[in-house]
Amino acid sequence: MRKRNNRLPAGPLAAVLLLSAAACSTLSTVQVKIDVPAVPAVKLAGVREIAVADFFVDPAVRDFAAGPALVDYFQDEMKNDFKGRLSTAAVVWPDAAFAGNAEAWKRLLTEPRDKLILTGRARFEQDVRKALLAKDRRAIDDGPFAPEKAWSERKSFELKLEIFLLRAETGEPVFQKEFQEAIIVENRKQPAEFAFYELLQRVRQKLFRLLFGSVRAQERYLLSR
């Protein structure tokens, strides 16, 4: 008994493949931006107040008070994301290990119930680095010249910031994370304040996504005909 041949003839099969390819060729991609919220790493429901306390800054930056700048910056920036009350709290850090002194932190606020303390340790450094640059020279009749080499000085800034969010009633941390950002600028006269706030802005974006679930725009591609 002869077996039935279920294969399509070459002609019809080729036509099907061509039609499929033609249909796919009419598709195009459209780039769109969508807002993607993050899931907060800390539950702030029920928190009535966040007190921004003084930071431990080591080493001190010449002619720039980085500690007070951190307090002012975070208190101002959190106004749009935190719906409770914002305040400041003065504290003297005897050393970097003071962050783990729960007994001292829980005595900082007079009415600590349903309150958190935001503080941290910071290290802001600047340095001048030399880079060897090569300037291209066009070839002449008998061959190219060797590249002309020159030294260029650039200024680098680095910010290391460890953030603590402490429960005011117990002094124990409910959130702790270290951030590190750096930039290099060609202008040797770049003021430390400008670089500091640029680096702090980068930290803010990452930190606020963890604390408040801040929305971040992301690119997506959609298929369309």
N, C-alpha and C. Protein backbone atom coordinates (compact mmCIF):
# COMPACT_ATOMS: atom_id res chain seq x y z
N MET A 1 0.86 -1.18 0.00
CA MET A 1 0.00 0.00 0.00
C MET A 1 0.90 1.24 0.00
N ARG A 2 0.57 2.16 -0.86
CA ARG A 2 1.40 3.36 -0.99
C ARG A 2 1.10 4.33 0.13
N LYS A 3 2.19 4.90 0.71
CA LYS A 3 2.02 5.91 1.75
C LYS A 3 1.69 7.25 1.12
N ARG A 4 0.78 7.93 1.77
CA ARG A 4 0.36 9.23 1.26
C ARG A 4 1.43 10.29 1.55
N ASN A 5 1.73 11.05 0.57
CA ASN A 5 2.74 12.10 0.73
C ASN A 5 2.06 13.38 1.19
N ASN A 6 2.32 13.79 2.46
CA ASN A 6 1.69 14.98 3.03
C ASN A 6 2.49 16.25 2.81
N ARG A 7 3.66 16.15 2.19
CA ARG A 7 4.47 17.33 2.00
C ARG A 7 3.89 18.21 0.92
N LEU A 8 3.97 19.53 1.18
CA LEU A 8 3.48 20.46 0.17
C LEU A 8 4.42 20.49 -1.01
N PRO A 9 3.91 20.70 -2.19
CA PRO A 9 4.80 20.85 -3.35
C PRO A 9 5.71 22.05 -3.15
N ALA A 10 6.83 22.01 -3.82
CA ALA A 10 7.82 23.07 -3.67
C ALA A 10 7.24 24.43 -4.02
N GLY A 11 6.38 24.47 -5.06
CA GLY A 11 5.82 25.74 -5.49
C GLY A 11 4.95 26.39 -4.42
N PRO A 12 3.92 25.74 -3.88
CA PRO A 12 3.09 26.32 -2.83
C PRO A 12 3.87 26.66 -1.56
N LEU A 13 4.81 25.80 -1.18
CA LEU A 13 5.60 26.06 0.02
C LEU A 13 6.43 27.32 -0.13
N ALA A 14 7.00 27.49 -1.26
CA ALA A 14 7.79 28.69 -1.51
C ALA A 14 6.91 29.93 -1.45
N ALA A 15 5.69 29.80 -1.96
CA ALA A 15 4.78 30.95 -1.94
C ALA A 15 4.41 31.33 -0.51
N VAL A 16 4.17 30.33 0.34
CA VAL A 16 3.85 30.59 1.74
C VAL A 16 4.99 31.31 2.44
N LEU A 17 6.22 30.85 2.21
CA LEU A 17 7.38 31.47 2.82
C LEU A 17 7.56 32.90 2.35
N LEU A 18 7.33 33.15 1.09
CA LEU A 18 7.46 34.51 0.56
C LEU A 18 6.42 35.44 1.16
N LEU A 19 5.18 34.94 1.32
CA LEU A 19 4.14 35.76 1.91
C LEU A 19 4.45 36.10 3.36
N SER A 20 5.00 35.11 4.11
CA SER A 20 5.37 35.35 5.51
C SER A 20 6.48 36.39 5.61
N ALA A 21 7.45 36.25 4.73
CA ALA A 21 8.55 37.21 4.75
C ALA A 21 8.07 38.61 4.40
N ALA A 22 7.13 38.69 3.45
CA ALA A 22 6.60 40.00 3.06
C ALA A 22 5.84 40.64 4.21
N ALA A 23 5.08 39.80 4.96
CA ALA A 23 4.33 40.33 6.09
C ALA A 23 5.27 40.86 7.17
N CYS A 24 6.35 40.12 7.43
CA CYS A 24 7.30 40.55 8.45
C CYS A 24 8.03 41.82 8.04
N SER A 25 8.26 41.96 6.74
CA SER A 25 9.01 43.12 6.29
C SER A 25 8.23 44.41 6.46
N THR A 26 6.91 44.31 6.62
CA THR A 26 6.10 45.53 6.79
C THR A 26 6.09 46.01 8.23
N LEU A 27 6.65 45.21 9.16
CA LEU A 27 6.68 45.61 10.56
C LEU A 27 7.80 46.61 10.79
N SER A 28 7.57 47.56 11.68
CA SER A 28 8.58 48.54 12.06
C SER A 28 8.56 48.69 13.57
N THR A 29 9.65 49.21 14.09
CA THR A 29 9.75 49.40 15.53
C THR A 29 9.59 50.87 15.87
N VAL A 30 8.92 51.11 16.99
CA VAL A 30 8.71 52.47 17.49
C VAL A 30 9.30 52.56 18.89
N GLN A 31 10.18 53.50 19.09
CA GLN A 31 10.81 53.69 20.40
C GLN A 31 9.94 54.59 21.27
N VAL A 32 9.61 54.12 22.46
CA VAL A 32 8.78 54.90 23.37
C VAL A 32 9.43 54.92 24.73
N LYS A 33 9.11 55.92 25.54
CA LYS A 33 9.59 56.03 26.92
C LYS A 33 8.42 55.85 27.86
N ILE A 34 8.60 54.99 28.84
CA ILE A 34 7.56 54.74 29.82
C ILE A 34 8.13 54.94 31.22
N ASP A 35 7.29 55.35 32.15
CA ASP A 35 7.70 55.54 33.53
C ASP A 35 7.54 54.24 34.30
N VAL A 36 8.64 53.76 34.86
CA VAL A 36 8.66 52.48 35.59
C VAL A 36 8.91 52.77 37.07
N PRO A 37 7.91 52.56 37.93
CA PRO A 37 8.13 52.79 39.37
C PRO A 37 8.92 51.65 39.99
N ALA A 38 9.71 51.98 40.99
CA ALA A 38 10.48 50.96 41.70
C ALA A 38 9.74 50.56 42.97
N VAL A 39 10.03 49.38 43.45
CA VAL A 39 9.46 48.91 44.72
C VAL A 39 10.35 49.40 45.85
N PRO A 40 9.82 50.20 46.78
CA PRO A 40 10.66 50.74 47.86
C PRO A 40 11.26 49.63 48.72
N ALA A 41 12.49 49.86 49.18
CA ALA A 41 13.15 48.90 50.05
C ALA A 41 12.77 49.11 51.51
N VAL A 42 12.10 50.22 51.80
CA VAL A 42 11.70 50.56 53.17
C VAL A 42 10.21 50.88 53.19
N LYS A 43 9.50 50.37 54.19
CA LYS A 43 8.09 50.70 54.36
C LYS A 43 7.97 51.96 55.20
N LEU A 44 7.53 53.05 54.57
CA LEU A 44 7.41 54.32 55.27
C LEU A 44 5.99 54.62 55.72
N ALA A 45 5.09 53.68 55.50
CA ALA A 45 3.71 53.87 55.95
C ALA A 45 3.68 53.98 57.48
N GLY A 46 3.04 55.01 57.97
CA GLY A 46 2.96 55.22 59.41
C GLY A 46 4.06 56.10 59.97
N VAL A 47 5.08 56.42 59.15
CA VAL A 47 6.15 57.31 59.61
C VAL A 47 5.67 58.75 59.51
N ARG A 48 5.66 59.45 60.65
CA ARG A 48 5.15 60.81 60.68
C ARG A 48 6.23 61.84 60.39
N GLU A 49 7.48 61.49 60.66
CA GLU A 49 8.53 62.50 60.54
C GLU A 49 9.87 61.84 60.23
N ILE A 50 10.65 62.53 59.40
CA ILE A 50 12.04 62.14 59.16
C ILE A 50 12.92 63.32 59.55
N ALA A 51 13.83 63.07 60.48
CA ALA A 51 14.77 64.10 60.92
C ALA A 51 16.11 63.85 60.26
N VAL A 52 16.61 64.84 59.53
CA VAL A 52 17.92 64.72 58.88
C VAL A 52 18.98 65.21 59.86
N ALA A 53 19.83 64.30 60.31
CA ALA A 53 20.86 64.63 61.30
C ALA A 53 22.19 64.92 60.60
N ASP A 54 23.08 65.52 61.34
CA ASP A 54 24.40 65.85 60.80
C ASP A 54 25.13 64.59 60.34
N PHE A 55 25.93 64.75 59.29
CA PHE A 55 26.71 63.67 58.71
C PHE A 55 28.14 63.72 59.23
N PHE A 56 28.77 62.56 59.22
CA PHE A 56 30.19 62.48 59.53
C PHE A 56 30.95 62.58 58.21
N VAL A 57 31.78 63.62 58.06
CA VAL A 57 32.51 63.85 56.82
C VAL A 57 34.01 63.74 57.10
N ASP A 58 34.67 62.85 56.38
CA ASP A 58 36.11 62.64 56.56
C ASP A 58 36.75 62.32 55.20
N PRO A 59 37.75 63.06 54.77
CA PRO A 59 38.31 64.22 55.48
C PRO A 59 37.52 65.48 55.15
N ALA A 60 37.74 66.51 55.92
CA ALA A 60 37.07 67.78 55.66
C ALA A 60 37.61 68.40 54.37
N VAL A 61 36.68 68.96 53.57
CA VAL A 61 37.07 69.59 52.30
C VAL A 61 37.40 71.05 52.56
N ARG A 62 38.54 71.48 52.07
CA ARG A 62 38.99 72.85 52.31
C ARG A 62 38.02 73.86 51.67
N ASP A 63 37.65 74.87 52.45
CA ASP A 63 36.79 75.97 51.99
C ASP A 63 35.41 75.50 51.54
N PHE A 64 34.96 74.35 52.04
CA PHE A 64 33.64 73.85 51.64
C PHE A 64 33.06 73.01 52.78
N ALA A 65 31.93 73.46 53.33
CA ALA A 65 31.28 72.75 54.44
C ALA A 65 30.36 71.67 53.88
N ALA A 66 30.90 70.50 53.64
CA ALA A 66 30.12 69.42 53.03
C ALA A 66 29.05 68.87 53.96
N GLY A 67 29.32 68.87 55.28
CA GLY A 67 28.35 68.33 56.23
C GLY A 67 27.02 69.08 56.22
N PRO A 68 27.02 70.39 56.48
CA PRO A 68 25.77 71.16 56.42
C PRO A 68 25.12 71.11 55.04
N ALA A 69 25.92 71.03 53.99
CA ALA A 69 25.36 70.95 52.64
C ALA A 69 24.55 69.67 52.46
N LEU A 70 25.01 68.57 53.03
CA LEU A 70 24.27 67.31 52.94
C LEU A 70 22.93 67.40 53.65
N VAL A 71 22.92 67.99 54.83
CA VAL A 71 21.68 68.12 55.59
C VAL A 71 20.67 68.98 54.83
N ASP A 72 21.10 70.12 54.35
CA ASP A 72 20.21 71.02 53.62
C ASP A 72 19.70 70.36 52.34
N TYR A 73 20.58 69.65 51.66
CA TYR A 73 20.20 69.04 50.39
C TYR A 73 19.10 67.99 50.58
N PHE A 74 19.31 67.07 51.50
CA PHE A 74 18.34 66.00 51.68
C PHE A 74 17.02 66.50 52.26
N GLN A 75 17.08 67.45 53.15
CA GLN A 75 15.84 67.99 53.70
C GLN A 75 15.02 68.66 52.60
N ASP A 76 15.68 69.35 51.71
CA ASP A 76 14.97 70.05 50.64
C ASP A 76 14.47 69.08 49.57
N GLU A 77 15.28 68.09 49.21
CA GLU A 77 14.93 67.17 48.13
C GLU A 77 13.80 66.21 48.53
N MET A 78 13.68 65.89 49.79
CA MET A 78 12.65 64.93 50.21
C MET A 78 11.25 65.52 50.27
N LYS A 79 11.12 66.83 50.11
CA LYS A 79 9.81 67.47 50.22
C LYS A 79 8.82 66.94 49.19
N ASN A 80 9.29 66.58 48.02
CA ASN A 80 8.40 66.12 46.96
C ASN A 80 8.04 64.65 47.07
N ASP A 81 8.78 63.89 47.87
CA ASP A 81 8.56 62.44 47.93
C ASP A 81 8.01 61.97 49.27
N PHE A 82 8.35 62.65 50.33
CA PHE A 82 7.87 62.24 51.65
C PHE A 82 6.72 63.14 52.07
N LYS A 83 5.61 62.54 52.45
CA LYS A 83 4.40 63.30 52.77
C LYS A 83 4.32 63.72 54.24
N GLY A 84 5.21 63.21 55.06
CA GLY A 84 5.19 63.59 56.47
C GLY A 84 6.00 64.85 56.73
N ARG A 85 6.34 65.05 57.99
CA ARG A 85 7.09 66.23 58.40
C ARG A 85 8.59 65.98 58.25
N LEU A 86 9.32 67.03 57.84
CA LEU A 86 10.76 66.96 57.72
C LEU A 86 11.39 67.94 58.69
N SER A 87 12.45 67.52 59.35
CA SER A 87 13.13 68.37 60.32
C SER A 87 14.62 68.06 60.29
N THR A 88 15.38 68.80 61.09
CA THR A 88 16.81 68.54 61.22
C THR A 88 17.14 68.27 62.68
N ALA A 89 18.25 67.59 62.91
CA ALA A 89 18.68 67.27 64.28
C ALA A 89 20.19 67.43 64.35
N ALA A 90 20.64 68.21 65.31
CA ALA A 90 22.08 68.44 65.49
C ALA A 90 22.69 67.31 66.31
N VAL A 91 23.79 66.77 65.81
CA VAL A 91 24.48 65.71 66.52
C VAL A 91 25.97 65.83 66.24
N VAL A 92 26.78 65.54 67.24
CA VAL A 92 28.23 65.58 67.10
C VAL A 92 28.76 64.15 67.00
N TRP A 93 29.40 63.84 65.89
CA TRP A 93 29.99 62.52 65.71
C TRP A 93 31.38 62.50 66.35
N PRO A 94 31.60 61.71 67.37
CA PRO A 94 32.96 61.61 67.92
C PRO A 94 33.91 60.85 67.00
N ASP A 95 33.35 59.90 66.23
CA ASP A 95 34.15 59.13 65.29
C ASP A 95 33.19 58.45 64.31
N ALA A 96 33.76 57.76 63.33
CA ALA A 96 32.95 57.12 62.30
C ALA A 96 32.11 55.98 62.86
N ALA A 97 32.54 55.36 63.96
CA ALA A 97 31.81 54.23 64.53
C ALA A 97 30.55 54.65 65.28
N PHE A 98 30.34 55.96 65.42
CA PHE A 98 29.19 56.46 66.16
C PHE A 98 27.86 56.03 65.53
N ALA A 99 27.88 55.68 64.26
CA ALA A 99 26.65 55.25 63.57
C ALA A 99 26.03 54.04 64.25
N GLY A 100 26.83 53.20 64.87
CA GLY A 100 26.30 52.01 65.52
C GLY A 100 25.93 52.19 66.97
N ASN A 101 25.97 53.43 67.48
CA ASN A 101 25.64 53.69 68.89
C ASN A 101 24.13 53.91 69.01
N ALA A 102 23.38 52.83 69.12
CA ALA A 102 21.92 52.92 69.15
C ALA A 102 21.42 53.71 70.35
N GLU A 103 22.07 53.58 71.49
CA GLU A 103 21.63 54.29 72.69
C GLU A 103 21.70 55.80 72.51
N ALA A 104 22.72 56.28 71.83
CA ALA A 104 22.86 57.71 71.61
C ALA A 104 21.82 58.22 70.62
N TRP A 105 21.55 57.45 69.57
CA TRP A 105 20.61 57.90 68.55
C TRP A 105 19.17 57.92 69.07
N LYS A 106 18.82 56.98 69.93
CA LYS A 106 17.43 56.94 70.39
C LYS A 106 17.14 58.04 71.41
N ARG A 107 18.17 58.73 71.88
CA ARG A 107 17.96 59.88 72.77
C ARG A 107 18.01 61.20 72.02
N LEU A 108 18.15 61.14 70.69
CA LEU A 108 18.33 62.37 69.92
C LEU A 108 17.04 63.19 69.83
N LEU A 109 15.89 62.52 69.65
CA LEU A 109 14.62 63.21 69.50
C LEU A 109 13.80 63.08 70.79
N THR A 110 13.12 64.16 71.15
CA THR A 110 12.34 64.15 72.39
C THR A 110 11.10 63.28 72.28
N GLU A 111 10.47 63.25 71.13
CA GLU A 111 9.29 62.40 70.91
C GLU A 111 9.58 61.49 69.71
N PRO A 112 10.21 60.37 69.94
CA PRO A 112 10.70 59.54 68.83
C PRO A 112 9.66 58.64 68.17
N ARG A 113 8.47 58.56 68.71
CA ARG A 113 7.50 57.61 68.17
C ARG A 113 7.14 57.93 66.72
N ASP A 114 7.15 56.89 65.89
CA ASP A 114 6.80 56.99 64.46
C ASP A 114 7.70 57.97 63.71
N LYS A 115 8.96 58.04 64.13
CA LYS A 115 9.91 58.93 63.48
C LYS A 115 11.16 58.16 63.06
N LEU A 116 11.80 58.66 62.00
CA LEU A 116 13.05 58.09 61.52
C LEU A 116 14.12 59.18 61.49
N ILE A 117 15.37 58.75 61.58
CA ILE A 117 16.51 59.67 61.50
C ILE A 117 17.34 59.29 60.28
N LEU A 118 17.57 60.25 59.39
CA LEU A 118 18.41 60.03 58.22
C LEU A 118 19.76 60.70 58.47
N THR A 119 20.81 59.92 58.38
CA THR A 119 22.16 60.44 58.59
C THR A 119 23.12 59.59 57.78
N GLY A 120 24.42 59.79 58.00
CA GLY A 120 25.36 58.96 57.25
C GLY A 120 26.80 59.41 57.40
N ARG A 121 27.66 58.69 56.68
CA ARG A 121 29.09 58.99 56.64
C ARG A 121 29.47 59.33 55.21
N ALA A 122 30.24 60.39 55.05
CA ALA A 122 30.60 60.86 53.71
C ALA A 122 32.11 61.03 53.59
N ARG A 123 32.59 60.80 52.38
CA ARG A 123 34.00 61.04 52.06
C ARG A 123 34.04 61.66 50.67
N PHE A 124 34.48 62.91 50.59
CA PHE A 124 34.52 63.64 49.33
C PHE A 124 35.96 64.04 49.06
N GLU A 125 36.50 63.56 47.94
CA GLU A 125 37.90 63.79 47.63
C GLU A 125 38.06 64.37 46.23
N GLN A 126 39.10 65.18 46.08
CA GLN A 126 39.45 65.73 44.78
C GLN A 126 40.93 65.53 44.53
N ASP A 127 41.26 65.37 43.24
CA ASP A 127 42.65 65.10 42.89
C ASP A 127 42.90 65.61 41.48
N VAL A 128 44.15 65.86 41.17
CA VAL A 128 44.55 66.27 39.83
C VAL A 128 45.31 65.12 39.19
N ARG A 129 44.85 64.70 38.02
CA ARG A 129 45.49 63.58 37.33
C ARG A 129 46.05 64.05 36.00
N LYS A 130 47.15 63.44 35.59
CA LYS A 130 47.75 63.75 34.31
C LYS A 130 47.45 62.64 33.31
N ALA A 131 47.11 63.06 32.10
CA ALA A 131 46.82 62.09 31.04
C ALA A 131 47.71 62.40 29.84
N LEU A 132 48.25 61.37 29.23
CA LEU A 132 49.12 61.53 28.07
C LEU A 132 48.25 61.47 26.82
N LEU A 133 48.18 62.57 26.11
CA LEU A 133 47.34 62.66 24.92
C LEU A 133 48.20 62.60 23.67
N ALA A 134 47.65 62.02 22.61
CA ALA A 134 48.34 61.94 21.33
C ALA A 134 47.54 62.71 20.29
N LYS A 135 48.18 63.67 19.64
CA LYS A 135 47.52 64.46 18.61
C LYS A 135 47.90 63.89 17.25
N ASP A 136 46.88 63.52 16.45
CA ASP A 136 47.13 62.92 15.14
C ASP A 136 47.70 63.97 14.17
N ARG A 137 48.66 63.52 13.35
CA ARG A 137 49.22 64.37 12.31
C ARG A 137 48.96 63.70 10.97
N ARG A 138 48.52 64.47 9.99
CA ARG A 138 48.24 63.91 8.67
C ARG A 138 49.54 63.48 7.98
N ALA A 139 49.41 62.45 7.14
CA ALA A 139 50.59 61.96 6.42
C ALA A 139 51.02 62.98 5.36
N ILE A 140 52.35 63.11 5.18
CA ILE A 140 52.87 63.97 4.12
C ILE A 140 53.53 63.06 3.09
N ASP A 141 54.18 63.63 2.09
CA ASP A 141 54.66 62.87 0.94
C ASP A 141 55.47 61.64 1.32
N ASP A 142 56.45 61.81 2.20
CA ASP A 142 57.34 60.69 2.52
C ASP A 142 56.86 59.87 3.72
N GLY A 143 55.63 60.06 4.18
CA GLY A 143 55.10 59.24 5.26
C GLY A 143 54.60 60.08 6.41
N PRO A 144 53.87 59.43 7.33
CA PRO A 144 53.29 60.18 8.46
C PRO A 144 54.32 60.52 9.52
N PHE A 145 54.08 61.62 10.19
CA PHE A 145 54.89 61.97 11.35
C PHE A 145 54.47 61.10 12.53
N ALA A 146 55.32 60.97 13.49
CA ALA A 146 54.93 60.30 14.74
C ALA A 146 53.93 61.19 15.48
N PRO A 147 52.96 60.62 16.17
CA PRO A 147 51.98 61.43 16.90
C PRO A 147 52.66 62.37 17.88
N GLU A 148 52.14 63.57 17.94
CA GLU A 148 52.65 64.56 18.89
C GLU A 148 52.04 64.29 20.25
N LYS A 149 52.85 64.08 21.25
CA LYS A 149 52.37 63.72 22.57
C LYS A 149 52.42 64.94 23.50
N ALA A 150 51.39 65.03 24.32
CA ALA A 150 51.34 66.15 25.27
C ALA A 150 50.63 65.69 26.53
N TRP A 151 51.03 66.29 27.65
CA TRP A 151 50.41 65.98 28.93
C TRP A 151 49.23 66.91 29.17
N SER A 152 48.14 66.34 29.65
CA SER A 152 46.96 67.14 29.98
C SER A 152 46.56 66.84 31.42
N GLU A 153 46.30 67.89 32.17
CA GLU A 153 45.90 67.72 33.57
C GLU A 153 44.38 67.83 33.70
N ARG A 154 43.81 66.92 34.42
CA ARG A 154 42.36 66.90 34.65
C ARG A 154 42.09 66.74 36.14
N LYS A 155 40.94 67.22 36.53
CA LYS A 155 40.58 67.18 37.95
C LYS A 155 39.54 66.08 38.17
N SER A 156 39.75 65.28 39.18
CA SER A 156 38.82 64.19 39.49
C SER A 156 38.18 64.44 40.85
N PHE A 157 36.91 64.05 40.95
CA PHE A 157 36.17 64.16 42.20
C PHE A 157 35.50 62.82 42.48
N GLU A 158 35.50 62.44 43.75
CA GLU A 158 34.87 61.17 44.14
C GLU A 158 34.09 61.37 45.44
N LEU A 159 32.87 60.85 45.44
CA LEU A 159 32.01 60.94 46.62
C LEU A 159 31.61 59.54 47.05
N LYS A 160 31.95 59.22 48.29
CA LYS A 160 31.48 57.98 48.92
C LYS A 160 30.51 58.38 50.02
N LEU A 161 29.30 57.86 49.93
CA LEU A 161 28.26 58.27 50.88
C LEU A 161 27.53 57.04 51.39
N GLU A 162 27.62 56.81 52.70
CA GLU A 162 26.90 55.70 53.33
C GLU A 162 25.71 56.28 54.09
N ILE A 163 24.53 55.87 53.68
CA ILE A 163 23.28 56.41 54.24
C ILE A 163 22.73 55.45 55.30
N PHE A 164 22.32 56.03 56.44
CA PHE A 164 21.65 55.27 57.50
C PHE A 164 20.26 55.87 57.71
N LEU A 165 19.27 55.02 57.78
CA LEU A 165 17.92 55.43 58.17
C LEU A 165 17.61 54.68 59.47
N LEU A 166 17.57 55.43 60.57
CA LEU A 166 17.46 54.83 61.90
C LEU A 166 16.07 55.02 62.48
N ARG A 167 15.59 54.01 63.20
CA ARG A 167 14.34 54.15 63.92
C ARG A 167 14.61 54.96 65.20
N ALA A 168 13.92 56.10 65.31
CA ALA A 168 14.22 57.03 66.40
C ALA A 168 13.94 56.42 67.78
N GLU A 169 12.98 55.51 67.90
CA GLU A 169 12.65 54.92 69.20
C GLU A 169 13.73 53.98 69.71
N THR A 170 14.43 53.31 68.80
CA THR A 170 15.41 52.30 69.21
C THR A 170 16.83 52.63 68.79
N GLY A 171 17.00 53.53 67.84
CA GLY A 171 18.33 53.82 67.32
C GLY A 171 18.86 52.78 66.36
N GLU A 172 18.07 51.77 66.07
CA GLU A 172 18.49 50.69 65.18
C GLU A 172 18.22 51.06 63.72
N PRO A 173 19.09 50.65 62.81
CA PRO A 173 18.89 50.98 61.39
C PRO A 173 17.78 50.14 60.75
N VAL A 174 16.96 50.80 59.95
CA VAL A 174 15.97 50.10 59.13
C VAL A 174 16.42 50.07 57.67
N PHE A 175 17.45 50.86 57.38
CA PHE A 175 18.00 50.90 56.01
C PHE A 175 19.44 51.39 56.09
N GLN A 176 20.30 50.75 55.30
CA GLN A 176 21.71 51.15 55.27
C GLN A 176 22.28 50.76 53.91
N LYS A 177 22.91 51.73 53.24
CA LYS A 177 23.49 51.43 51.92
C LYS A 177 24.59 52.44 51.60
N GLU A 178 25.62 51.95 50.93
CA GLU A 178 26.75 52.81 50.53
C GLU A 178 26.70 53.09 49.04
N PHE A 179 26.93 54.35 48.69
CA PHE A 179 26.95 54.78 47.31
C PHE A 179 28.33 55.37 47.00
N GLN A 180 28.74 55.22 45.74
CA GLN A 180 30.04 55.76 45.32
C GLN A 180 29.91 56.29 43.89
N GLU A 181 30.25 57.55 43.70
CA GLU A 181 30.18 58.19 42.39
C GLU A 181 31.46 58.98 42.16
N ALA A 182 31.85 59.11 40.88
CA ALA A 182 33.07 59.85 40.55
C ALA A 182 32.91 60.51 39.19
N ILE A 183 33.59 61.64 39.02
CA ILE A 183 33.63 62.33 37.73
C ILE A 183 35.03 62.88 37.51
N ILE A 184 35.37 63.11 36.23
CA ILE A 184 36.63 63.74 35.85
C ILE A 184 36.30 64.92 34.95
N VAL A 185 36.86 66.07 35.26
CA VAL A 185 36.60 67.29 34.48
C VAL A 185 37.92 67.82 33.95
N GLU A 186 37.85 68.49 32.81
CA GLU A 186 39.06 69.03 32.20
C GLU A 186 39.46 70.37 32.82
N ASN A 187 38.50 71.05 33.40
CA ASN A 187 38.77 72.35 33.99
C ASN A 187 39.39 72.19 35.37
N ARG A 188 40.66 72.54 35.49
CA ARG A 188 41.35 72.39 36.78
C ARG A 188 40.81 73.35 37.83
N LYS A 189 40.14 74.41 37.39
CA LYS A 189 39.61 75.39 38.32
C LYS A 189 38.16 75.10 38.71
N GLN A 190 37.68 73.91 38.38
CA GLN A 190 36.31 73.53 38.71
C GLN A 190 36.11 73.59 40.23
N PRO A 191 35.15 74.39 40.73
CA PRO A 191 34.93 74.46 42.17
C PRO A 191 34.44 73.13 42.73
N ALA A 192 34.86 72.83 43.95
CA ALA A 192 34.45 71.58 44.57
C ALA A 192 32.94 71.52 44.76
N GLU A 193 32.30 72.67 45.02
CA GLU A 193 30.85 72.68 45.25
C GLU A 193 30.08 72.15 44.05
N PHE A 194 30.49 72.57 42.83
CA PHE A 194 29.78 72.14 41.63
C PHE A 194 29.86 70.63 41.45
N ALA A 195 31.07 70.09 41.60
CA ALA A 195 31.24 68.64 41.46
C ALA A 195 30.50 67.89 42.56
N PHE A 196 30.52 68.43 43.77
CA PHE A 196 29.86 67.78 44.90
C PHE A 196 28.36 67.63 44.64
N TYR A 197 27.71 68.68 44.19
CA TYR A 197 26.28 68.61 43.97
C TYR A 197 25.92 67.75 42.76
N GLU A 198 26.79 67.70 41.78
CA GLU A 198 26.53 66.82 40.65
C GLU A 198 26.59 65.35 41.08
N LEU A 199 27.59 65.02 41.88
CA LEU A 199 27.70 63.65 42.39
C LEU A 199 26.56 63.32 43.35
N LEU A 200 26.17 64.29 44.14
CA LEU A 200 25.09 64.08 45.10
C LEU A 200 23.77 63.86 44.38
N GLN A 201 23.59 64.50 43.24
CA GLN A 201 22.38 64.30 42.46
C GLN A 201 22.29 62.87 41.94
N ARG A 202 23.42 62.29 41.57
CA ARG A 202 23.43 60.90 41.12
C ARG A 202 23.05 59.97 42.27
N VAL A 203 23.59 60.24 43.45
CA VAL A 203 23.26 59.43 44.61
C VAL A 203 21.77 59.55 44.93
N ARG A 204 21.25 60.76 44.85
CA ARG A 204 19.84 61.00 45.16
C ARG A 204 18.92 60.14 44.30
N GLN A 205 19.19 60.05 43.01
CA GLN A 205 18.34 59.26 42.12
C GLN A 205 18.28 57.80 42.55
N LYS A 206 19.43 57.24 42.90
CA LYS A 206 19.47 55.84 43.32
C LYS A 206 18.86 55.65 44.70
N LEU A 207 19.15 56.58 45.61
CA LEU A 207 18.66 56.47 46.98
C LEU A 207 17.14 56.62 47.04
N PHE A 208 16.59 57.59 46.34
CA PHE A 208 15.16 57.84 46.42
C PHE A 208 14.34 56.72 45.78
N ARG A 209 14.93 56.03 44.81
CA ARG A 209 14.22 54.86 44.26
C ARG A 209 14.10 53.77 45.31
N LEU A 210 15.10 53.66 46.18
CA LEU A 210 15.06 52.65 47.23
C LEU A 210 14.15 53.06 48.38
N LEU A 211 14.13 54.36 48.69
CA LEU A 211 13.33 54.82 49.82
C LEU A 211 11.87 55.07 49.45
N PHE A 212 11.65 55.69 48.30
CA PHE A 212 10.30 56.13 47.95
C PHE A 212 9.74 55.47 46.70
N GLY A 213 10.53 54.62 46.03
CA GLY A 213 10.04 54.02 44.80
C GLY A 213 9.89 55.03 43.69
N SER A 214 10.82 55.96 43.59
CA SER A 214 10.72 57.02 42.59
C SER A 214 10.63 56.43 41.19
N VAL A 215 9.88 57.10 40.32
CA VAL A 215 9.68 56.64 38.95
C VAL A 215 10.91 56.96 38.11
N ARG A 216 11.27 56.01 37.23
CA ARG A 216 12.39 56.23 36.32
C ARG A 216 11.93 55.94 34.89
N ALA A 217 12.27 56.85 33.97
CA ALA A 217 11.89 56.67 32.57
C ALA A 217 12.81 55.63 31.92
N GLN A 218 12.20 54.67 31.23
CA GLN A 218 12.95 53.65 30.52
C GLN A 218 12.47 53.57 29.08
N GLU A 219 13.37 53.16 28.19
CA GLU A 219 13.03 53.06 26.77
C GLU A 219 12.55 51.65 26.43
N ARG A 220 11.50 51.59 25.62
CA ARG A 220 10.95 50.32 25.15
C ARG A 220 10.72 50.41 23.65
N TYR A 221 10.68 49.28 22.98
CA TYR A 221 10.45 49.24 21.54
C TYR A 221 9.17 48.46 21.26
N LEU A 222 8.28 49.06 20.47
CA LEU A 222 7.01 48.44 20.09
C LEU A 222 7.01 48.12 18.61
N LEU A 223 6.41 47.00 18.25
CA LEU A 223 6.27 46.63 16.85
C LEU A 223 4.99 47.23 16.29
N SER A 224 5.07 47.79 15.10
CA SER A 224 3.89 48.36 14.47
C SER A 224 4.00 48.13 12.96
N ARG A 225 2.86 48.22 12.30
CA ARG A 225 2.82 48.03 10.85
C ARG A 225 2.77 49.38 10.14
